[in-house]
Amino acid sequence: MFKNCKRCGGVFNSVTLHICNECSNSEKDQYNKVKEYLEKNPGLNLIQLSKATGVKADIILRYIKEDRFEY
């Protein structure tokens, strides 16, 4: 089944996923960057964390809402 990626809009073949492999890999990389930076630098606020990692604040907020890590 062909779908449009909810992140980039590209077409990909999937039955269960909502984003393409490229976006999925990018998502994993961004998550790991935020997680590792936060582990080494606890106590940062959202804006500081976003600026330090280059990951947009709304993406970090989504990770928090998905309970991927405590902030």
N, C-alpha and C. Protein backbone atom coordinates (compact mmCIF):
# COMPACT_ATOMS: atom_id res chain seq x y z
N MET A 1 0.83 -1.17 0.00
CA MET A 1 0.00 0.00 0.00
C MET A 1 0.89 1.25 0.00
N PHE A 2 0.65 2.15 -0.88
CA PHE A 2 1.42 3.38 -0.96
C PHE A 2 0.77 4.46 -0.11
N LYS A 3 1.60 5.20 0.61
CA LYS A 3 1.14 6.27 1.49
C LYS A 3 2.02 7.49 1.28
N ASN A 4 1.50 8.63 1.71
CA ASN A 4 2.31 9.84 1.77
C ASN A 4 2.86 9.97 3.18
N CYS A 5 4.14 10.26 3.27
CA CYS A 5 4.80 10.45 4.56
C CYS A 5 4.20 11.67 5.25
N LYS A 6 3.87 11.51 6.53
CA LYS A 6 3.30 12.62 7.29
C LYS A 6 4.32 13.70 7.59
N ARG A 7 5.60 13.41 7.46
CA ARG A 7 6.64 14.40 7.73
C ARG A 7 7.07 15.14 6.46
N CYS A 8 7.47 14.40 5.44
CA CYS A 8 8.05 15.04 4.25
C CYS A 8 7.10 15.08 3.06
N GLY A 9 6.03 14.30 3.11
CA GLY A 9 5.07 14.27 2.01
C GLY A 9 5.42 13.32 0.89
N GLY A 10 6.57 12.69 0.99
CA GLY A 10 7.00 11.74 -0.03
C GLY A 10 6.15 10.48 -0.04
N VAL A 11 6.15 9.79 -1.15
CA VAL A 11 5.39 8.55 -1.29
C VAL A 11 6.27 7.37 -0.90
N PHE A 12 5.72 6.44 -0.13
CA PHE A 12 6.45 5.24 0.25
C PHE A 12 5.48 4.09 0.39
N ASN A 13 6.02 2.88 0.40
CA ASN A 13 5.22 1.68 0.46
C ASN A 13 5.22 1.14 1.89
N SER A 14 4.05 1.12 2.54
CA SER A 14 3.96 0.63 3.90
C SER A 14 2.52 0.29 4.25
N VAL A 15 2.38 -0.68 5.14
CA VAL A 15 1.06 -1.05 5.64
C VAL A 15 0.83 -0.43 7.02
N THR A 16 1.88 -0.34 7.83
CA THR A 16 1.70 0.10 9.21
C THR A 16 2.34 1.45 9.54
N LEU A 17 3.40 1.83 8.86
CA LEU A 17 4.10 3.07 9.20
C LEU A 17 3.38 4.30 8.63
N HIS A 18 3.61 5.44 9.29
CA HIS A 18 3.01 6.69 8.83
C HIS A 18 4.05 7.65 8.28
N ILE A 19 5.35 7.29 8.45
CA ILE A 19 6.42 8.09 7.90
C ILE A 19 7.37 7.18 7.14
N CYS A 20 8.07 7.76 6.17
CA CYS A 20 8.98 6.97 5.34
C CYS A 20 10.24 6.61 6.12
N ASN A 21 11.04 5.71 5.57
CA ASN A 21 12.26 5.26 6.24
C ASN A 21 13.24 6.40 6.47
N GLU A 22 13.36 7.30 5.50
CA GLU A 22 14.29 8.43 5.64
C GLU A 22 13.89 9.32 6.81
N CYS A 23 12.61 9.64 6.91
CA CYS A 23 12.13 10.46 8.03
C CYS A 23 12.24 9.69 9.35
N SER A 24 12.00 8.40 9.32
CA SER A 24 12.12 7.58 10.52
C SER A 24 13.56 7.58 11.03
N ASN A 25 14.51 7.44 10.12
CA ASN A 25 15.92 7.47 10.52
C ASN A 25 16.32 8.85 11.05
N SER A 26 15.82 9.90 10.42
CA SER A 26 16.10 11.26 10.88
C SER A 26 15.51 11.47 12.27
N GLU A 27 14.31 10.97 12.48
CA GLU A 27 13.64 11.07 13.77
C GLU A 27 14.47 10.38 14.86
N LYS A 28 14.97 9.20 14.56
CA LYS A 28 15.79 8.46 15.53
C LYS A 28 17.07 9.23 15.85
N ASP A 29 17.69 9.80 14.82
CA ASP A 29 18.92 10.57 15.03
C ASP A 29 18.68 11.79 15.91
N GLN A 30 17.58 12.51 15.64
CA GLN A 30 17.26 13.69 16.43
C GLN A 30 16.96 13.31 17.88
N TYR A 31 16.19 12.24 18.06
CA TYR A 31 15.87 11.78 19.42
C TYR A 31 17.15 11.43 20.18
N ASN A 32 18.02 10.66 19.55
CA ASN A 32 19.26 10.26 20.21
C ASN A 32 20.13 11.46 20.56
N LYS A 33 20.17 12.46 19.68
CA LYS A 33 20.95 13.67 19.93
C LYS A 33 20.40 14.40 21.16
N VAL A 34 19.08 14.54 21.24
CA VAL A 34 18.46 15.23 22.38
C VAL A 34 18.68 14.43 23.66
N LYS A 35 18.45 13.14 23.60
CA LYS A 35 18.58 12.29 24.79
C LYS A 35 20.01 12.34 25.34
N GLU A 36 21.00 12.16 24.47
CA GLU A 36 22.39 12.16 24.90
C GLU A 36 22.80 13.53 25.46
N TYR A 37 22.37 14.60 24.80
CA TYR A 37 22.74 15.93 25.28
C TYR A 37 22.10 16.21 26.64
N LEU A 38 20.86 15.81 26.80
CA LEU A 38 20.16 16.04 28.06
C LEU A 38 20.76 15.22 29.19
N GLU A 39 21.22 14.01 28.89
CA GLU A 39 21.87 13.18 29.90
C GLU A 39 23.16 13.83 30.40
N LYS A 40 23.90 14.46 29.48
CA LYS A 40 25.18 15.09 29.84
C LYS A 40 24.99 16.49 30.41
N ASN A 41 23.86 17.11 30.13
CA ASN A 41 23.60 18.49 30.54
C ASN A 41 22.21 18.62 31.15
N PRO A 42 21.97 18.01 32.30
CA PRO A 42 20.64 18.08 32.91
C PRO A 42 20.30 19.50 33.34
N GLY A 43 19.02 19.78 33.42
CA GLY A 43 18.58 21.06 33.93
C GLY A 43 18.38 22.14 32.88
N LEU A 44 18.56 21.80 31.61
CA LEU A 44 18.34 22.78 30.55
C LEU A 44 16.85 23.01 30.34
N ASN A 45 16.50 24.23 29.94
CA ASN A 45 15.11 24.44 29.57
C ASN A 45 14.94 24.06 28.10
N LEU A 46 13.72 24.08 27.63
CA LEU A 46 13.40 23.63 26.28
C LEU A 46 14.14 24.42 25.21
N ILE A 47 14.19 25.73 25.36
CA ILE A 47 14.85 26.58 24.37
C ILE A 47 16.34 26.31 24.34
N GLN A 48 16.96 26.19 25.49
CA GLN A 48 18.39 25.89 25.55
C GLN A 48 18.70 24.54 24.89
N LEU A 49 17.87 23.55 25.17
CA LEU A 49 18.06 22.22 24.61
C LEU A 49 17.90 22.24 23.09
N SER A 50 16.92 22.97 22.63
CA SER A 50 16.68 23.08 21.20
C SER A 50 17.85 23.76 20.49
N LYS A 51 18.33 24.87 21.06
CA LYS A 51 19.46 25.59 20.46
C LYS A 51 20.73 24.76 20.47
N ALA A 52 20.96 24.03 21.55
CA ALA A 52 22.18 23.24 21.68
C ALA A 52 22.21 22.04 20.73
N THR A 53 21.06 21.46 20.48
CA THR A 53 21.01 20.24 19.65
C THR A 53 20.62 20.52 18.21
N GLY A 54 20.00 21.67 17.96
CA GLY A 54 19.51 21.95 16.61
C GLY A 54 18.19 21.28 16.29
N VAL A 55 17.58 20.65 17.29
CA VAL A 55 16.28 19.99 17.11
C VAL A 55 15.20 20.98 17.51
N LYS A 56 14.20 21.17 16.66
CA LYS A 56 13.15 22.14 16.91
C LYS A 56 12.42 21.83 18.22
N ALA A 57 12.02 22.90 18.91
CA ALA A 57 11.35 22.77 20.21
C ALA A 57 10.06 21.95 20.11
N ASP A 58 9.30 22.12 19.02
CA ASP A 58 8.05 21.36 18.90
C ASP A 58 8.30 19.87 18.77
N ILE A 59 9.42 19.49 18.19
CA ILE A 59 9.77 18.07 18.09
C ILE A 59 10.13 17.53 19.48
N ILE A 60 10.90 18.31 20.24
CA ILE A 60 11.26 17.90 21.59
C ILE A 60 10.00 17.77 22.45
N LEU A 61 9.07 18.71 22.31
CA LEU A 61 7.81 18.62 23.05
C LEU A 61 7.03 17.36 22.69
N ARG A 62 7.07 16.98 21.41
CA ARG A 62 6.38 15.75 21.00
C ARG A 62 7.02 14.54 21.67
N TYR A 63 8.34 14.52 21.77
CA TYR A 63 9.01 13.41 22.47
C TYR A 63 8.55 13.34 23.93
N ILE A 64 8.43 14.50 24.56
CA ILE A 64 7.99 14.54 25.96
C ILE A 64 6.56 14.01 26.07
N LYS A 65 5.67 14.47 25.18
CA LYS A 65 4.28 14.02 25.20
C LYS A 65 4.15 12.53 24.93
N GLU A 66 5.07 11.98 24.14
CA GLU A 66 5.06 10.54 23.85
C GLU A 66 5.75 9.73 24.94
N ASP A 67 6.15 10.40 26.03
CA ASP A 67 6.83 9.76 27.17
C ASP A 67 8.11 9.04 26.75
N ARG A 68 8.82 9.59 25.79
CA ARG A 68 10.09 8.98 25.39
C ARG A 68 11.17 9.22 26.42
N PHE A 69 11.10 10.32 27.12
CA PHE A 69 11.98 10.60 28.24
C PHE A 69 11.32 11.64 29.11
N GLU A 70 11.78 11.72 30.36
CA GLU A 70 11.25 12.72 31.27
C GLU A 70 12.07 13.98 31.12
N TYR A 71 11.40 15.09 31.19
CA TYR A 71 12.09 16.37 31.02
C TYR A 71 11.80 17.23 32.22
